[in-house]
Amino acid sequence: MTVTTTPATPTDTNPDTNPDTTTALVTGSSSGIGLEIARAFLATGANVVLGGRDPDRLAKAAADLGHPERTAWVAGSIAEPQTGASLVRTALDRFGGIDVLVNNAGTFASTPFTDVTEEELDGFLTGNLKGTYLTTQAVVRALRAQGRGGSIVNIGTVLVDHALAGFPASAPVVSKAGVHALTTSLAAELATDGIRVNLVSPGIVRTPLHAGSDVDAFSGLALLNRVGEVRDIAQAVLYLAGATFVTGHALRVDGGHVIGRA
C-alpha cells in the first residue's frame, strides 16, 4: 500500500513550531464530520493534518479549507501501520509537534445479522477498530517522546448504548464498541503521561453517508426532535480536546436519543 502526503510547498520549509499553536491530526477528514472537525480546529488558529484514503479528495478538502500554511494531508488506509507513522512524521516535519489526535475515520452500514459475511465483518473490525488502534499507537509514541501530554478524541456511536430494531448494524456497532472500550482502557493507561483519552458518541447526523435518503425522518428518535449536524460533533470534539480535567469520558451528542423519547 502506498501512503501519499501533501506535495511540498515553499511553506513546508518553515514549520510553525510556536508552542502555543495546537496541532491536530484528524483521520477521515476529506468530508462529513471529519472535514467539519478540521474546519473547527483551523478556526481556532490550530494546525491540522488531514487523513483519508483518497489523495484527490484530501487535496480538494485542503484547498476548500484554506489556510495552506496551517494544513497538511496524508492519504492512506489507517489499517496499515505506515499510515499512522506518516501522519506523525508529517505533523512533526510541518508543524514541529502533535497535540491532538481525532480518530474519526471509519465505516458504517446496516446489514441484518445473519446476512453479514465474514469479509464484511473483517472490514468493519479492521477499518473501525484496528485502524484506530494502530493510528493511536503511532501518535502515543510521539506524544510520549515530546513529554508534554496530549489529547485523543475517538468517535464512537450511541448505537453501542441504544440499538435500533429497525437499523440492524451488529458488525459496525461491535467494532465501535471496541473503540469505546479502548477509550476507557487508554484513559487509565496513559494518564501518567498526561495524555487524556475521550470519546464523542454521535446519534444520527446529517452527513454524506445519508445522501439520497430522508435523514430528517429520524428526527423523532431524539428528544430534541432533530438530527444532528456535523458542527454539533465538531463542537463536542473541540471541548474534549481542550478539557484538561476530563479523561475516559464518552460524551453523547445525540439530542437525547439514548435517555428517552419525545
Protein backbone atom coordinates (compact mmCIF):
# COMPACT_ATOMS: atom_id res chain seq x y z
CA MET A 1 0.00 0.00 0.00
CA THR A 2 1.26 3.48 -0.89
CA VAL A 3 0.97 6.38 1.54
CA THR A 4 0.69 9.78 -0.12
CA THR A 5 1.50 13.02 1.67
CA THR A 6 0.94 16.68 0.89
CA PRO A 7 3.09 17.83 -2.01
CA ALA A 8 5.92 20.09 -0.88
CA THR A 9 5.32 23.84 -0.95
CA PRO A 10 7.57 26.77 -0.05
CA THR A 11 5.91 26.98 3.39
CA ASP A 12 6.98 23.41 4.20
CA THR A 13 10.50 24.60 4.96
CA ASN A 14 9.27 26.87 7.73
CA PRO A 15 7.19 24.74 10.10
CA ASP A 16 5.22 26.53 12.80
CA THR A 17 6.99 25.49 15.99
CA ASN A 18 5.22 28.02 18.22
CA PRO A 19 4.50 26.02 21.41
CA ASP A 20 1.23 27.93 21.83
CA THR A 21 -0.11 26.67 18.48
CA THR A 22 -2.09 23.44 18.67
CA THR A 23 -1.51 20.78 16.03
CA ALA A 24 -4.35 18.32 15.47
CA LEU A 25 -4.40 15.12 13.40
CA VAL A 26 -7.90 14.30 12.11
CA THR A 27 -8.46 10.99 10.33
CA GLY A 28 -11.31 10.50 7.88
CA SER A 29 -11.35 14.24 7.22
CA SER A 30 -11.96 14.57 3.49
CA SER A 31 -15.72 15.03 4.03
CA GLY A 32 -18.56 14.97 6.54
CA ILE A 33 -17.85 15.03 10.26
CA GLY A 34 -14.07 14.81 9.88
CA LEU A 35 -13.92 17.75 7.49
CA GLU A 36 -16.02 19.87 9.86
CA ILE A 37 -13.76 18.91 12.79
CA ALA A 38 -10.75 20.02 10.77
CA ARG A 39 -12.51 23.28 9.90
CA ALA A 40 -13.30 23.90 13.57
CA PHE A 41 -9.67 23.40 14.63
CA LEU A 42 -8.45 25.72 11.88
CA ALA A 43 -10.92 28.38 13.07
CA THR A 44 -9.20 28.33 16.47
CA GLY A 45 -5.83 29.01 14.84
CA ALA A 46 -4.60 25.43 15.06
CA ASN A 47 -2.54 23.50 12.53
CA VAL A 48 -4.33 20.47 11.07
CA VAL A 49 -3.13 17.29 9.38
CA LEU A 50 -5.95 15.70 7.39
CA GLY A 51 -6.11 11.94 6.86
CA GLY A 52 -8.07 9.80 4.42
CA ARG A 53 -7.82 7.17 1.70
CA ASP A 54 -8.21 9.29 -1.44
CA PRO A 55 -5.44 11.81 -2.22
CA ASP A 56 -7.60 13.73 -4.70
CA ARG A 57 -10.42 14.20 -2.19
CA LEU A 58 -7.93 15.21 0.51
CA ALA A 59 -6.26 17.75 -1.75
CA LYS A 60 -9.67 19.23 -2.60
CA ALA A 61 -10.67 19.32 1.08
CA ALA A 62 -7.42 21.07 2.00
CA ALA A 63 -7.96 23.63 -0.78
CA ASP A 64 -11.57 24.23 0.32
CA LEU A 65 -10.49 24.73 3.94
CA GLY A 66 -7.90 27.34 3.01
CA HIS A 67 -5.02 28.22 5.33
CA PRO A 68 -2.41 26.21 3.37
CA GLU A 69 0.26 27.35 5.80
CA ARG A 70 -1.58 25.51 8.59
CA THR A 71 -2.89 22.49 6.67
CA ALA A 72 -1.27 19.26 5.50
CA TRP A 73 -2.68 15.90 4.44
CA VAL A 74 -1.77 12.22 4.32
CA ALA A 75 -3.57 9.66 2.13
CA GLY A 76 -3.57 6.01 3.15
CA SER A 77 -5.50 3.32 4.99
CA ILE A 78 -5.36 3.69 8.77
CA ALA A 79 -5.40 -0.11 8.96
CA GLU A 80 -1.79 -0.01 7.71
CA PRO A 81 0.84 0.94 10.33
CA GLN A 82 2.75 3.13 7.88
CA THR A 83 -0.22 5.48 7.57
CA GLY A 84 -0.13 6.38 11.25
CA ALA A 85 3.64 6.77 11.06
CA SER A 86 3.25 9.08 8.07
CA LEU A 87 0.63 11.21 9.85
CA VAL A 88 3.02 11.63 12.77
CA ARG A 89 6.02 12.38 10.56
CA THR A 90 4.03 14.97 8.59
CA ALA A 91 2.90 16.74 11.75
CA LEU A 92 6.44 16.82 13.16
CA ASP A 93 8.05 17.92 9.89
CA ARG A 94 5.48 20.59 9.01
CA PHE A 95 4.44 21.89 12.41
CA GLY A 96 7.04 20.75 14.91
CA GLY A 97 4.80 18.66 17.16
CA ILE A 98 1.47 16.98 17.91
CA ASP A 99 -1.14 17.93 20.48
CA VAL A 100 -4.42 16.26 19.48
CA LEU A 101 -5.48 13.12 17.63
CA VAL A 102 -9.08 12.76 16.47
CA ASN A 103 -9.85 9.18 15.40
CA ASN A 104 -12.79 9.88 13.13
CA ALA A 105 -12.10 7.52 10.20
CA GLY A 106 -14.39 4.54 9.94
CA THR A 107 -17.22 2.90 8.06
CA PHE A 108 -20.84 2.14 8.87
CA ALA A 109 -23.67 0.27 7.14
CA SER A 110 -26.83 -1.63 8.00
CA THR A 111 -26.94 -5.38 7.35
CA PRO A 112 -29.11 -7.99 9.13
CA PHE A 113 -27.02 -10.15 11.47
CA THR A 114 -27.36 -13.46 9.60
CA ASP A 115 -26.57 -11.77 6.27
CA VAL A 116 -23.22 -10.33 7.41
CA THR A 117 -20.38 -12.06 5.57
CA GLU A 118 -17.01 -12.81 7.11
CA GLU A 119 -15.45 -10.35 4.66
CA GLU A 120 -17.87 -7.60 5.73
CA LEU A 121 -17.23 -8.27 9.43
CA ASP A 122 -13.46 -8.18 8.87
CA GLY A 123 -13.84 -4.89 7.02
CA PHE A 124 -15.56 -3.18 9.94
CA LEU A 125 -13.22 -4.63 12.56
CA THR A 126 -10.20 -3.60 10.51
CA GLY A 127 -11.37 -0.15 9.43
CA ASN A 128 -13.00 0.95 12.67
CA LEU A 129 -11.10 -0.80 15.47
CA LYS A 130 -7.72 -1.92 14.15
CA GLY A 131 -7.23 1.35 12.27
CA THR A 132 -7.99 3.42 15.35
CA TYR A 133 -5.71 1.21 17.45
CA LEU A 134 -2.72 1.42 15.11
CA THR A 135 -3.03 5.16 14.49
CA THR A 136 -3.27 5.81 18.20
CA GLN A 137 -0.16 3.71 18.86
CA ALA A 138 1.86 5.84 16.44
CA VAL A 139 0.63 9.10 17.95
CA VAL A 140 1.09 8.00 21.58
CA ARG A 141 4.72 7.12 20.87
CA ALA A 142 5.24 10.64 19.54
CA LEU A 143 3.36 12.27 22.44
CA ARG A 144 5.49 10.37 24.95
CA ALA A 145 8.66 11.44 23.16
CA GLN A 146 7.52 15.07 23.33
CA GLY A 147 6.84 14.70 27.04
CA ARG A 148 4.13 17.34 27.29
CA GLY A 149 0.98 15.21 27.27
CA GLY A 150 -1.78 15.47 24.72
CA SER A 151 -5.39 14.69 23.91
CA ILE A 152 -7.01 11.86 21.97
CA VAL A 153 -10.67 12.04 20.95
CA ASN A 154 -12.28 8.95 19.44
CA ILE A 155 -15.57 8.88 17.55
CA GLY A 156 -17.99 6.13 18.58
CA THR A 157 -21.77 5.76 18.23
CA VAL A 158 -24.78 5.88 20.54
CA LEU A 159 -25.90 2.60 18.98
CA VAL A 160 -23.44 0.95 21.36
CA ASP A 161 -25.75 2.08 24.20
CA HIS A 162 -29.12 2.05 22.46
CA ALA A 163 -29.54 -0.14 19.37
CA LEU A 164 -32.40 0.25 16.88
CA ALA A 165 -34.50 -2.74 15.88
CA GLY A 166 -35.18 -1.15 12.51
CA PHE A 167 -31.50 -0.48 11.78
CA PRO A 168 -29.59 -3.76 12.17
CA ALA A 169 -25.88 -2.92 12.30
CA SER A 170 -24.23 -5.51 14.53
CA ALA A 171 -20.92 -5.60 12.62
CA PRO A 172 -20.09 -1.87 12.70
CA VAL A 173 -21.56 -1.47 16.18
CA VAL A 174 -19.41 -4.22 17.69
CA SER A 175 -16.32 -2.66 16.08
CA LYS A 176 -17.24 0.75 17.51
CA ALA A 177 -17.88 -0.86 20.90
CA GLY A 178 -14.23 -1.86 20.78
CA VAL A 179 -13.34 1.81 20.28
CA HIS A 180 -15.43 2.69 23.34
CA ALA A 181 -13.54 0.06 25.37
CA LEU A 182 -10.20 1.24 24.01
CA THR A 183 -11.04 4.77 25.18
CA THR A 184 -11.61 3.63 28.75
CA SER A 185 -8.53 1.42 28.82
CA LEU A 186 -6.17 4.03 27.39
CA ALA A 187 -7.51 6.79 29.64
CA ALA A 188 -6.26 4.72 32.58
CA GLU A 189 -3.02 3.55 31.00
CA LEU A 190 -1.90 6.91 29.62
CA ALA A 191 -2.92 9.23 32.46
CA THR A 192 0.57 9.22 33.98
CA ASP A 193 1.87 10.51 30.63
CA GLY A 194 -0.53 13.43 30.77
CA ILE A 195 -2.42 12.04 27.76
CA ARG A 196 -6.20 12.34 28.01
CA VAL A 197 -8.42 9.95 26.05
CA ASN A 198 -12.11 10.65 25.49
CA LEU A 199 -14.86 9.76 23.05
CA VAL A 200 -17.70 11.53 21.27
CA SER A 201 -20.73 9.30 20.73
CA PRO A 202 -22.89 10.74 17.93
CA GLY A 203 -26.52 10.00 17.28
CA ILE A 204 -28.00 10.33 13.77
CA VAL A 205 -26.04 13.06 11.99
CA ARG A 206 -26.62 14.66 8.59
CA THR A 207 -23.55 13.60 6.58
CA PRO A 208 -22.77 12.40 3.03
CA LEU A 209 -23.41 8.89 4.38
CA HIS A 210 -27.13 9.71 4.20
CA ALA A 211 -27.01 11.33 0.77
CA GLY A 212 -30.12 10.49 -1.21
CA SER A 213 -32.15 9.47 1.85
CA ASP A 214 -34.54 11.42 4.06
CA VAL A 215 -32.32 11.68 7.13
CA ASP A 216 -34.81 14.04 8.80
CA ALA A 217 -37.19 11.09 9.08
CA PHE A 218 -35.03 10.04 12.04
CA SER A 219 -35.70 13.30 13.93
CA GLY A 220 -38.23 11.62 16.22
CA LEU A 221 -35.53 9.37 17.67
CA ALA A 222 -34.20 12.35 19.65
CA LEU A 223 -35.84 14.30 22.45
CA LEU A 224 -34.77 17.49 20.66
CA ASN A 225 -36.71 16.28 17.59
CA ARG A 226 -33.97 16.83 15.04
CA VAL A 227 -30.97 15.04 13.62
CA GLY A 228 -27.50 16.22 14.43
CA GLU A 229 -25.39 18.43 12.20
CA VAL A 230 -21.68 17.99 11.65
CA ARG A 231 -21.00 21.20 13.58
CA ASP A 232 -22.58 19.61 16.68
CA ILE A 233 -19.96 16.86 16.64
CA ALA A 234 -17.13 19.29 15.90
CA GLN A 235 -18.08 21.44 18.90
CA ALA A 236 -18.01 18.39 21.17
CA VAL A 237 -14.60 17.33 19.86
CA LEU A 238 -13.16 20.81 20.47
CA TYR A 239 -14.48 20.74 24.02
CA LEU A 240 -12.93 17.36 24.85
CA ALA A 241 -9.67 18.25 23.11
CA GLY A 242 -9.25 21.19 25.46
CA ALA A 243 -10.93 19.89 28.64
CA THR A 244 -7.85 19.40 30.79
CA PHE A 245 -9.63 17.68 33.71
CA VAL A 246 -11.67 15.22 31.63
CA THR A 247 -10.48 11.77 30.61
CA GLY A 248 -12.14 8.41 29.99
CA HIS A 249 -15.43 10.15 29.18
CA ALA A 250 -17.93 9.21 26.45
CA LEU A 251 -19.84 12.35 25.51
CA ARG A 252 -23.17 11.59 23.83
CA VAL A 253 -24.12 14.11 21.16
CA ASP A 254 -27.45 12.61 20.21
CA GLY A 255 -30.21 15.09 21.03
CA GLY A 256 -31.42 12.76 23.79
CA HIS A 257 -31.61 9.60 21.67
CA VAL A 258 -30.34 7.33 24.43
CA ILE A 259 -32.12 8.71 27.50
CA GLY A 260 -35.66 8.98 26.20
CA ARG A 261 -38.20 9.79 23.51
CA ALA A 262 -40.23 12.90 22.79
